Amino acid sequence: MMLTLSAATLISQIRPTVESLRDGDYRYRDSFAIDRPFREIQFRKQDRYITGSDSDKRTGKSYCFRGIPQQNNIINITVARSKFPQKQHRKPSGN
């Protein structure tokens, strides 16, 4: 699996790549319009690793990941899968 952060405009091409960012916390969002669903990636870059979450408000899907930045790609990704407990169904008590 590979995650790619792509630039929306030519102006953004002068910005640094994910790989060249300093260690710290970052957020990427594909839209800042309040009335529009969006995709948001929050991540922390520390040493040579990226750890973060990818949330798509259009689909409601989200996941956490860890990988190694390579230019504007993240390679060798490990994705955390959530397991939700099944609902416990109560049996009606008989009188």
PDB file of N, CA and C in Angstrom:
ATOM      1  N   MET A   1       0.840  -1.169   0.000  1.00  0.00           N
ATOM      2  CA  MET A   1       0.000   0.000   0.000  1.00  0.00           C
ATOM      3  C   MET A   1       0.887   1.234   0.000  1.00  0.00           C
ATOM      4  N   MET A   2       0.508   2.248  -0.774  1.00  0.00           N
ATOM      5  CA  MET A   2       1.283   3.479  -0.826  1.00  0.00           C
ATOM      6  C   MET A   2       0.325   4.657  -0.734  1.00  0.00           C
ATOM      7  N   LEU A   3       0.654   5.639   0.068  1.00  0.00           N
ATOM      8  CA  LEU A   3      -0.145   6.847   0.230  1.00  0.00           C
ATOM      9  C   LEU A   3       0.580   7.970  -0.467  1.00  0.00           C
ATOM     10  N   THR A   4      -0.111   8.694  -1.339  1.00  0.00           N
ATOM     11  CA  THR A   4       0.502   9.792  -2.070  1.00  0.00           C
ATOM     12  C   THR A   4      -0.205  11.084  -1.740  1.00  0.00           C
ATOM     13  N   LEU A   5       0.557  12.088  -1.351  1.00  0.00           N
ATOM     14  CA  LEU A   5       0.019  13.427  -1.126  1.00  0.00           C
ATOM     15  C   LEU A   5       0.368  14.244  -2.360  1.00  0.00           C
ATOM     16  N   SER A   6      -0.627  14.640  -3.103  1.00  0.00           N
ATOM     17  CA  SER A   6      -0.357  15.362  -4.340  1.00  0.00           C
ATOM     18  C   SER A   6      -0.743  16.823  -4.216  1.00  0.00           C
ATOM     19  N   ALA A   7      -0.014  17.665  -4.907  1.00  0.00           N
ATOM     20  CA  ALA A   7      -0.225  19.109  -4.868  1.00  0.00           C
ATOM     21  C   ALA A   7      -1.464  19.489  -5.664  1.00  0.00           C
ATOM     22  N   ALA A   8      -2.198  20.485  -5.170  1.00  0.00           N
ATOM     23  CA  ALA A   8      -3.413  20.920  -5.844  1.00  0.00           C
ATOM     24  C   ALA A   8      -3.129  21.995  -6.891  1.00  0.00           C
ATOM     25  N   THR A   9      -2.101  22.772  -6.706  1.00  0.00           N
ATOM     26  CA  THR A   9      -1.799  23.865  -7.632  1.00  0.00           C
ATOM     27  C   THR A   9      -0.307  23.922  -7.908  1.00  0.00           C
ATOM     28  N   LEU A  10       0.066  24.685  -8.933  1.00  0.00           N
ATOM     29  CA  LEU A  10       1.487  24.872  -9.252  1.00  0.00           C
ATOM     30  C   LEU A  10       2.239  25.552  -8.120  1.00  0.00           C
ATOM     31  N   ILE A  11       1.574  26.471  -7.424  1.00  0.00           N
ATOM     32  CA  ILE A  11       2.230  27.182  -6.317  1.00  0.00           C
ATOM     33  C   ILE A  11       2.704  26.200  -5.259  1.00  0.00           C
ATOM     34  N   SER A  12       1.913  25.166  -5.005  1.00  0.00           N
ATOM     35  CA  SER A  12       2.288  24.219  -3.958  1.00  0.00           C
ATOM     36  C   SER A  12       3.503  23.382  -4.346  1.00  0.00           C
ATOM     37  N   GLN A  13       3.903  23.378  -5.608  1.00  0.00           N
ATOM     38  CA  GLN A  13       5.064  22.606  -6.009  1.00  0.00           C
ATOM     39  C   GLN A  13       6.366  23.189  -5.476  1.00  0.00           C
ATOM     40  N   ILE A  14       6.351  24.429  -5.036  1.00  0.00           N
ATOM     41  CA  ILE A  14       7.568  25.007  -4.459  1.00  0.00           C
ATOM     42  C   ILE A  14       7.703  24.665  -2.987  1.00  0.00           C
ATOM     43  N   ARG A  15       6.672  24.069  -2.414  1.00  0.00           N
ATOM     44  CA  ARG A  15       6.719  23.665  -1.012  1.00  0.00           C
ATOM     45  C   ARG A  15       7.605  22.442  -0.870  1.00  0.00           C
ATOM     46  N   PRO A  16       8.104  22.194   0.328  1.00  0.00           N
ATOM     47  CA  PRO A  16       8.962  21.023   0.524  1.00  0.00           C
ATOM     48  C   PRO A  16       8.166  19.725   0.386  1.00  0.00           C
ATOM     49  N   THR A  17       8.857  18.654   0.108  1.00  0.00           N
ATOM     50  CA  THR A  17       8.210  17.340   0.072  1.00  0.00           C
ATOM     51  C   THR A  17       8.000  16.858   1.506  1.00  0.00           C
ATOM     52  N   VAL A  18       7.158  15.845   1.664  1.00  0.00           N
ATOM     53  CA  VAL A  18       6.938  15.263   2.986  1.00  0.00           C
ATOM     54  C   VAL A  18       8.267  14.755   3.552  1.00  0.00           C
ATOM     55  N   GLU A  19       9.083  14.167   2.693  1.00  0.00           N
ATOM     56  CA  GLU A  19      10.371  13.634   3.128  1.00  0.00           C
ATOM     57  C   GLU A  19      11.283  14.722   3.701  1.00  0.00           C
ATOM     58  N   SER A  20      11.229  15.930   3.134  1.00  0.00           N
ATOM     59  CA  SER A  20      12.143  16.990   3.573  1.00  0.00           C
ATOM     60  C   SER A  20      11.599  17.834   4.730  1.00  0.00           C
ATOM     61  N   LEU A  21      10.379  17.556   5.196  1.00  0.00           N
ATOM     62  CA  LEU A  21       9.833  18.301   6.331  1.00  0.00           C
ATOM     63  C   LEU A  21      10.653  18.040   7.593  1.00  0.00           C
ATOM     64  N   ARG A  22      10.726  19.035   8.441  1.00  0.00           N
ATOM     65  CA  ARG A  22      11.387  18.850   9.740  1.00  0.00           C
ATOM     66  C   ARG A  22      10.518  17.973  10.627  1.00  0.00           C
ATOM     67  N   ASP A  23      11.116  17.385  11.648  1.00  0.00           N
ATOM     68  CA  ASP A  23      10.334  16.622  12.616  1.00  0.00           C
ATOM     69  C   ASP A  23       9.256  17.524  13.202  1.00  0.00           C
ATOM     70  N   GLY A  24       8.050  16.999  13.339  1.00  0.00           N
ATOM     71  CA  GLY A  24       6.959  17.780  13.911  1.00  0.00           C
ATOM     72  C   GLY A  24       5.602  17.203  13.530  1.00  0.00           C
ATOM     73  N   ASP A  25       4.552  17.927  13.922  1.00  0.00           N
ATOM     74  CA  ASP A  25       3.180  17.518  13.658  1.00  0.00           C
ATOM     75  C   ASP A  25       2.632  18.311  12.479  1.00  0.00           C
ATOM     76  N   TYR A  26       1.893  17.637  11.597  1.00  0.00           N
ATOM     77  CA  TYR A  26       1.403  18.262  10.369  1.00  0.00           C
ATOM     78  C   TYR A  26      -0.028  17.819  10.091  1.00  0.00           C
ATOM     79  N   ARG A  27      -0.726  18.625   9.269  1.00  0.00           N
ATOM     80  CA  ARG A  27      -2.073  18.289   8.840  1.00  0.00           C
ATOM     81  C   ARG A  27      -2.245  18.667   7.380  1.00  0.00           C
ATOM     82  N   TYR A  28      -2.786  17.745   6.590  1.00  0.00           N
ATOM     83  CA  TYR A  28      -3.114  17.997   5.189  1.00  0.00           C
ATOM     84  C   TYR A  28      -4.621  17.846   5.056  1.00  0.00           C
ATOM     85  N   ARG A  29      -5.247  18.792   4.390  1.00  0.00           N
ATOM     86  CA  ARG A  29      -6.691  18.745   4.179  1.00  0.00           C
ATOM     87  C   ARG A  29      -6.971  19.143   2.746  1.00  0.00           C
ATOM     88  N   ASP A  30      -7.796  18.372   2.033  1.00  0.00           N
ATOM     89  CA  ASP A  30      -8.011  18.670   0.618  1.00  0.00           C
ATOM     90  C   ASP A  30      -9.035  19.769   0.373  1.00  0.00           C
ATOM     91  N   SER A  31      -9.728  20.238   1.404  1.00  0.00           N
ATOM     92  CA  SER A  31     -10.697  21.322   1.241  1.00  0.00           C
ATOM     93  C   SER A  31     -10.841  22.069   2.557  1.00  0.00           C
ATOM     94  N   PHE A  32     -10.962  23.377   2.469  1.00  0.00           N
ATOM     95  CA  PHE A  32     -11.196  24.166   3.670  1.00  0.00           C
ATOM     96  C   PHE A  32     -12.594  24.767   3.668  1.00  0.00           C
ATOM     97  N   ALA A  33     -13.425  24.377   2.705  1.00  0.00           N
ATOM     98  CA  ALA A  33     -14.806  24.835   2.654  1.00  0.00           C
ATOM     99  C   ALA A  33     -15.589  24.161   3.782  1.00  0.00           C
ATOM    100  N   ILE A  34     -16.298  24.942   4.563  1.00  0.00           N
ATOM    101  CA  ILE A  34     -17.029  24.418   5.714  1.00  0.00           C
ATOM    102  C   ILE A  34     -18.176  23.508   5.290  1.00  0.00           C
ATOM    103  N   ASP A  35     -18.808  23.836   4.179  1.00  0.00           N
ATOM    104  CA  ASP A  35     -20.005  23.105   3.763  1.00  0.00           C
ATOM    105  C   ASP A  35     -19.710  21.907   2.856  1.00  0.00           C
ATOM    106  N   ARG A  36     -18.458  21.525   2.738  1.00  0.00           N
ATOM    107  CA  ARG A  36     -18.079  20.450   1.835  1.00  0.00           C
ATOM    108  C   ARG A  36     -17.340  19.347   2.581  1.00  0.00           C
ATOM    109  N   PRO A  37     -17.677  18.089   2.332  1.00  0.00           N
ATOM    110  CA  PRO A  37     -16.903  17.009   2.960  1.00  0.00           C
ATOM    111  C   PRO A  37     -15.444  17.064   2.504  1.00  0.00           C
ATOM    112  N   PHE A  38     -14.569  16.545   3.310  1.00  0.00           N
ATOM    113  CA  PHE A  38     -13.145  16.652   3.009  1.00  0.00           C
ATOM    114  C   PHE A  38     -12.400  15.402   3.437  1.00  0.00           C
ATOM    115  N   ARG A  39     -11.174  15.312   2.986  1.00  0.00           N
ATOM    116  CA  ARG A  39     -10.236  14.278   3.413  1.00  0.00           C
ATOM    117  C   ARG A  39      -9.149  14.975   4.214  1.00  0.00           C
ATOM    118  N   GLU A  40      -8.786  14.401   5.335  1.00  0.00           N
ATOM    119  CA  GLU A  40      -7.775  15.005   6.200  1.00  0.00           C
ATOM    120  C   GLU A  40      -6.772  13.950   6.631  1.00  0.00           C
ATOM    121  N   ILE A  41      -5.500  14.315   6.520  1.00  0.00           N
ATOM    122  CA  ILE A  41      -4.420  13.449   6.979  1.00  0.00           C
ATOM    123  C   ILE A  41      -3.636  14.219   8.032  1.00  0.00           C
ATOM    124  N   GLN A  42      -3.582  13.671   9.227  1.00  0.00           N
ATOM    125  CA  GLN A  42      -2.779  14.253  10.302  1.00  0.00           C
ATOM    126  C   GLN A  42      -1.634  13.294  10.558  1.00  0.00           C
ATOM    127  N   PHE A  43      -0.431  13.865  10.693  1.00  0.00           N
ATOM    128  CA  PHE A  43       0.699  12.968  10.913  1.00  0.00           C
ATOM    129  C   PHE A  43       1.809  13.646  11.697  1.00  0.00           C
ATOM    130  N   ARG A  44       2.641  12.799  12.261  1.00  0.00           N
ATOM    131  CA  ARG A  44       3.849  13.252  12.974  1.00  0.00           C
ATOM    132  C   ARG A  44       5.036  12.665  12.240  1.00  0.00           C
ATOM    133  N   LYS A  45       5.987  13.523  11.928  1.00  0.00           N
ATOM    134  CA  LYS A  45       7.237  13.062  11.327  1.00  0.00           C
ATOM    135  C   LYS A  45       8.289  13.105  12.430  1.00  0.00           C
ATOM    136  N   GLN A  46       8.901  11.971  12.649  1.00  0.00           N
ATOM    137  CA  GLN A  46       9.947  11.889  13.665  1.00  0.00           C
ATOM    138  C   GLN A  46      11.027  10.952  13.151  1.00  0.00           C
ATOM    139  N   ASP A  47      12.238  11.495  13.093  1.00  0.00           N
ATOM    140  CA  ASP A  47      13.369  10.773  12.516  1.00  0.00           C
ATOM    141  C   ASP A  47      13.004  10.394  11.076  1.00  0.00           C
ATOM    142  N   ARG A  48      13.033   9.121  10.752  1.00  0.00           N
ATOM    143  CA  ARG A  48      12.718   8.749   9.367  1.00  0.00           C
ATOM    144  C   ARG A  48      11.342   8.126   9.225  1.00  0.00           C
ATOM    145  N   TYR A  49      10.468   8.319  10.226  1.00  0.00           N
ATOM    146  CA  TYR A  49       9.143   7.699  10.187  1.00  0.00           C
ATOM    147  C   TYR A  49       8.024   8.732  10.188  1.00  0.00           C
ATOM    148  N   ILE A  50       6.903   8.326   9.595  1.00  0.00           N
ATOM    149  CA  ILE A  50       5.664   9.094   9.599  1.00  0.00           C
ATOM    150  C   ILE A  50       4.626   8.222  10.297  1.00  0.00           C
ATOM    151  N   THR A  51       3.947   8.784  11.297  1.00  0.00           N
ATOM    152  CA  THR A  51       2.858   8.092  11.976  1.00  0.00           C
ATOM    153  C   THR A  51       1.657   9.023  11.944  1.00  0.00           C
ATOM    154  N   GLY A  52       0.496   8.504  11.542  1.00  0.00           N
ATOM    155  CA  GLY A  52      -0.643   9.404  11.456  1.00  0.00           C
ATOM    156  C   GLY A  52      -1.959   8.705  11.209  1.00  0.00           C
ATOM    157  N   SER A  53      -2.953   9.537  10.838  1.00  0.00           N
ATOM    158  CA  SER A  53      -4.282   9.028  10.531  1.00  0.00           C
ATOM    159  C   SER A  53      -4.790   9.677   9.257  1.00  0.00           C
ATOM    160  N   ASP A  54      -5.558   8.921   8.505  1.00  0.00           N
ATOM    161  CA  ASP A  54      -6.166   9.373   7.260  1.00  0.00           C
ATOM    162  C   ASP A  54      -7.669   9.225   7.436  1.00  0.00           C
ATOM    163  N   SER A  55      -8.394  10.329   7.302  1.00  0.00           N
ATOM    164  CA  SER A  55      -9.831  10.328   7.522  1.00  0.00           C
ATOM    165  C   SER A  55     -10.537  10.950   6.323  1.00  0.00           C
ATOM    166  N   ASP A  56     -11.458  10.210   5.741  1.00  0.00           N
ATOM    167  CA  ASP A  56     -12.219  10.712   4.592  1.00  0.00           C
ATOM    168  C   ASP A  56     -13.649  10.965   5.044  1.00  0.00           C
ATOM    169  N   LYS A  57     -14.035  12.219   5.163  1.00  0.00           N
ATOM    170  CA  LYS A  57     -15.358  12.593   5.653  1.00  0.00           C
ATOM    171  C   LYS A  57     -16.449  12.286   4.629  1.00  0.00           C
ATOM    172  N   ARG A  58     -16.072  12.096   3.370  1.00  0.00           N
ATOM    173  CA  ARG A  58     -17.062  11.746   2.340  1.00  0.00           C
ATOM    174  C   ARG A  58     -17.544  10.308   2.525  1.00  0.00           C
ATOM    175  N   THR A  59     -16.627   9.423   2.851  1.00  0.00           N
ATOM    176  CA  THR A  59     -16.974   8.004   2.963  1.00  0.00           C
ATOM    177  C   THR A  59     -17.122   7.554   4.415  1.00  0.00           C
ATOM    178  N   GLY A  60     -16.612   8.340   5.353  1.00  0.00           N
ATOM    179  CA  GLY A  60     -16.649   7.959   6.760  1.00  0.00           C
ATOM    180  C   GLY A  60     -15.556   6.989   7.148  1.00  0.00           C
ATOM    181  N   LYS A  61     -14.664   6.667   6.224  1.00  0.00           N
ATOM    182  CA  LYS A  61     -13.591   5.715   6.507  1.00  0.00           C
ATOM    183  C   LYS A  61     -12.373   6.433   7.067  1.00  0.00           C
ATOM    184  N   SER A  62     -11.705   5.780   7.992  1.00  0.00           N
ATOM    185  CA  SER A  62     -10.462   6.334   8.534  1.00  0.00           C
ATOM    186  C   SER A  62      -9.581   5.187   9.010  1.00  0.00           C
ATOM    187  N   TYR A  63      -8.292   5.455   9.050  1.00  0.00           N
ATOM    188  CA  TYR A  63      -7.355   4.457   9.539  1.00  0.00           C
ATOM    189  C   TYR A  63      -6.085   5.148  10.007  1.00  0.00           C
ATOM    190  N   CYS A  64      -5.327   4.449  10.813  1.00  0.00           N
ATOM    191  CA  CYS A  64      -4.034   4.932  11.295  1.00  0.00           C
ATOM    192  C   CYS A  64      -2.942   4.190  10.526  1.00  0.00           C
ATOM    193  N   PHE A  65      -1.809   4.851  10.364  1.00  0.00           N
ATOM    194  CA  PHE A  65      -0.734   4.255   9.579  1.00  0.00           C
ATOM    195  C   PHE A  65       0.618   4.678  10.112  1.00  0.00           C
ATOM    196  N   ARG A  66       1.637   3.929   9.689  1.00  0.00           N
ATOM    197  CA  ARG A  66       3.034   4.260   9.960  1.00  0.00           C
ATOM    198  C   ARG A  66       3.826   3.853   8.733  1.00  0.00           C
ATOM    199  N   GLY A  67       4.768   4.699   8.332  1.00  0.00           N
ATOM    200  CA  GLY A  67       5.573   4.381   7.168  1.00  0.00           C
ATOM    201  C   GLY A  67       6.802   5.259   7.080  1.00  0.00           C
ATOM    202  N   ILE A  68       7.475   5.175   5.960  1.00  0.00           N
ATOM    203  CA  ILE A  68       8.707   5.929   5.722  1.00  0.00           C
ATOM    204  C   ILE A  68       8.462   6.881   4.558  1.00  0.00           C
ATOM    205  N   PRO A  69       8.731   8.188   4.754  1.00  0.00           N
ATOM    206  CA  PRO A  69       8.522   9.134   3.657  1.00  0.00           C
ATOM    207  C   PRO A  69       9.581   8.968   2.562  1.00  0.00           C
ATOM    208  N   GLN A  70       9.108   9.064   1.320  1.00  0.00           N
ATOM    209  CA  GLN A  70       9.998   9.057   0.163  1.00  0.00           C
ATOM    210  C   GLN A  70       9.431  10.098  -0.799  1.00  0.00           C
ATOM    211  N   GLN A  71      10.024  11.270  -0.800  1.00  0.00           N
ATOM    212  CA  GLN A  71       9.520  12.452  -1.494  1.00  0.00           C
ATOM    213  C   GLN A  71       8.109  12.742  -0.987  1.00  0.00           C
ATOM    214  N   ASN A  72       7.064  12.713  -1.823  1.00  0.00           N
ATOM    215  CA  ASN A  72       5.694  12.946  -1.338  1.00  0.00           C
ATOM    216  C   ASN A  72       4.896  11.659  -1.207  1.00  0.00           C
ATOM    217  N   ASN A  73       5.587  10.539  -1.143  1.00  0.00           N
ATOM    218  CA  ASN A  73       4.948   9.246  -0.927  1.00  0.00           C
ATOM    219  C   ASN A  73       5.328   8.737   0.453  1.00  0.00           C
ATOM    220  N   ILE A  74       4.515   7.829   0.964  1.00  0.00           N
ATOM    221  CA  ILE A  74       4.856   7.139   2.202  1.00  0.00           C
ATOM    222  C   ILE A  74       4.903   5.663   1.843  1.00  0.00           C
ATOM    223  N   ILE A  75       6.060   5.048   2.028  1.00  0.00           N
ATOM    224  CA  ILE A  75       6.266   3.652   1.643  1.00  0.00           C
ATOM    225  C   ILE A  75       6.380   2.773   2.887  1.00  0.00           C
ATOM    226  N   ASN A  76       6.366   1.483   2.673  1.00  0.00           N
ATOM    227  CA  ASN A  76       6.450   0.499   3.773  1.00  0.00           C
ATOM    228  C   ASN A  76       5.407   0.794   4.846  1.00  0.00           C
ATOM    229  N   ILE A  77       4.181   1.023   4.401  1.00  0.00           N
ATOM    230  CA  ILE A  77       3.104   1.410   5.324  1.00  0.00           C
ATOM    231  C   ILE A  77       2.586   0.206   6.096  1.00  0.00           C
ATOM    232  N   THR A  78       2.404   0.427   7.380  1.00  0.00           N
ATOM    233  CA  THR A  78       1.694  -0.504   8.243  1.00  0.00           C
ATOM    234  C   THR A  78       0.406   0.197   8.638  1.00  0.00           C
ATOM    235  N   VAL A  79      -0.727  -0.463   8.445  1.00  0.00           N
ATOM    236  CA  VAL A  79      -2.028   0.120   8.757  1.00  0.00           C
ATOM    237  C   VAL A  79      -2.608  -0.582   9.970  1.00  0.00           C
ATOM    238  N   ALA A  80      -3.114   0.219  10.917  1.00  0.00           N
ATOM    239  CA  ALA A  80      -3.771  -0.337  12.094  1.00  0.00           C
ATOM    240  C   ALA A  80      -5.228  -0.603  11.748  1.00  0.00           C
ATOM    241  N   ARG A  81      -5.683  -1.774  12.053  1.00  0.00           N
ATOM    242  CA  ARG A  81      -7.081  -2.119  11.811  1.00  0.00           C
ATOM    243  C   ARG A  81      -7.810  -2.136  13.144  1.00  0.00           C
ATOM    244  N   SER A  82      -8.960  -1.502  13.166  1.00  0.00           N
ATOM    245  CA  SER A  82      -9.754  -1.445  14.394  1.00  0.00           C
ATOM    246  C   SER A  82     -10.672  -2.646  14.477  1.00  0.00           C
ATOM    247  N   LYS A  83     -10.781  -3.151  15.658  1.00  0.00           N
ATOM    248  CA  LYS A  83     -11.743  -4.209  15.914  1.00  0.00           C
ATOM    249  C   LYS A  83     -12.728  -3.669  16.946  1.00  0.00           C
ATOM    250  N   PHE A  84     -13.985  -3.717  16.588  1.00  0.00           N
ATOM    251  CA  PHE A  84     -15.013  -3.232  17.494  1.00  0.00           C
ATOM    252  C   PHE A  84     -15.691  -4.431  18.137  1.00  0.00           C
ATOM    253  N   PRO A  85     -15.954  -4.329  19.432  1.00  0.00           N
ATOM    254  CA  PRO A  85     -16.627  -5.455  20.094  1.00  0.00           C
ATOM    255  C   PRO A  85     -18.033  -5.629  19.521  1.00  0.00           C
ATOM    256  N   GLN A  86     -18.443  -6.873  19.385  1.00  0.00           N
ATOM    257  CA  GLN A  86     -19.798  -7.116  18.910  1.00  0.00           C
ATOM    258  C   GLN A  86     -20.778  -6.745  20.000  1.00  0.00           C
ATOM    259  N   LYS A  87     -21.952  -6.266  19.563  1.00  0.00           N
ATOM    260  CA  LYS A  87     -22.976  -5.899  20.536  1.00  0.00           C
ATOM    261  C   LYS A  87     -23.479  -7.160  21.237  1.00  0.00           C
ATOM    262  N   GLN A  88     -23.616  -7.021  22.511  1.00  0.00           N
ATOM    263  CA  GLN A  88     -24.163  -8.103  23.295  1.00  0.00           C
ATOM    264  C   GLN A  88     -25.685  -7.981  23.263  1.00  0.00           C
ATOM    265  N   HIS A  89     -26.355  -9.009  22.788  1.00  0.00           N
ATOM    266  CA  HIS A  89     -27.799  -8.998  22.751  1.00  0.00           C
ATOM    267  C   HIS A  89     -28.320  -9.654  24.026  1.00  0.00           C
ATOM    268  N   ARG A  90     -29.183  -8.931  24.690  1.00  0.00           N
ATOM    269  CA  ARG A  90     -29.773  -9.486  25.907  1.00  0.00           C
ATOM    270  C   ARG A  90     -30.955 -10.370  25.546  1.00  0.00           C
ATOM    271  N   LYS A  91     -31.013 -11.473  26.184  1.00  0.00           N
ATOM    272  CA  LYS A  91     -32.165 -12.336  26.013  1.00  0.00           C
ATOM    273  C   LYS A  91     -33.252 -11.834  26.962  1.00  0.00           C
ATOM    274  N   PRO A  92     -34.461 -11.745  26.444  1.00  0.00           N
ATOM    275  CA  PRO A  92     -35.525 -11.281  27.337  1.00  0.00           C
ATOM    276  C   PRO A  92     -35.720 -12.274  28.476  1.00  0.00           C
ATOM    277  N   SER A  93     -35.886 -11.729  29.643  1.00  0.00           N
ATOM    278  CA  SER A  93     -36.076 -12.603  30.805  1.00  0.00           C
ATOM    279  C   SER A  93     -37.524 -13.057  30.833  1.00  0.00           C
ATOM    280  N   GLY A  94     -37.709 -14.317  31.020  1.00  0.00           N
ATOM    281  CA  GLY A  94     -39.085 -14.889  31.046  1.00  0.00           C
ATOM    282  C   GLY A  94     -39.663 -14.826  32.427  1.00  0.00           C
ATOM    283  N   ASN A  95     -40.967 -14.589  32.517  1.00  0.00           N
ATOM    284  CA  ASN A  95     -41.671 -14.567  33.810  1.00  0.00           C
ATOM    285  C   ASN A  95     -42.450 -15.830  33.988  1.00  0.00           C
TER     286      ASN A  95
END
